Amino acid sequence: MAYQSINPFNGELLQTFDQHTDAQMESALAKADSTFQYVWSKAAFRDRAKVVSRAASLMLERKERIFWSTTWESTNRSRSSKLVTTIGFAFSR
C-alpha cells in the first residue's frame, strides 16, 4: 500500500508515495553514507558552501509552498507556523 498525504481539513488526497522495502531503505542509506564519506566530506569548503547557499536560496524562494505543505502535514493553521518557517529560512542563510 502506498503512503498518502491527506488534507486534514477536507479529506482531499494531496499525493501518494510508493512504499519501500527495508532492503531499499538500507541501500539508500548506505549510498547516502558513502557519498557523504567519499564525496561531500572531501569537497573543498568553498564548494560545499556554494551548494548549501544555493539550497538556502531555493528554500527562501519557495518558502510559501514549503510553508503550506508543512502546515497541511502538521495540521497547524496558526500564523506562528508561518513565522517559524520564515525565521528558520532566515537563519539558514
Foldseek 3Di string as FASTA:
>chain_A
DWDWQAQPVPRDTDDTHHDDDPVVVVVVVVVVVCCVVPPVVPDDPVVNVVVLVVVLVVCVVCVVVVLVVVCRRVVPPDPVSSVVSVVVSVVSD
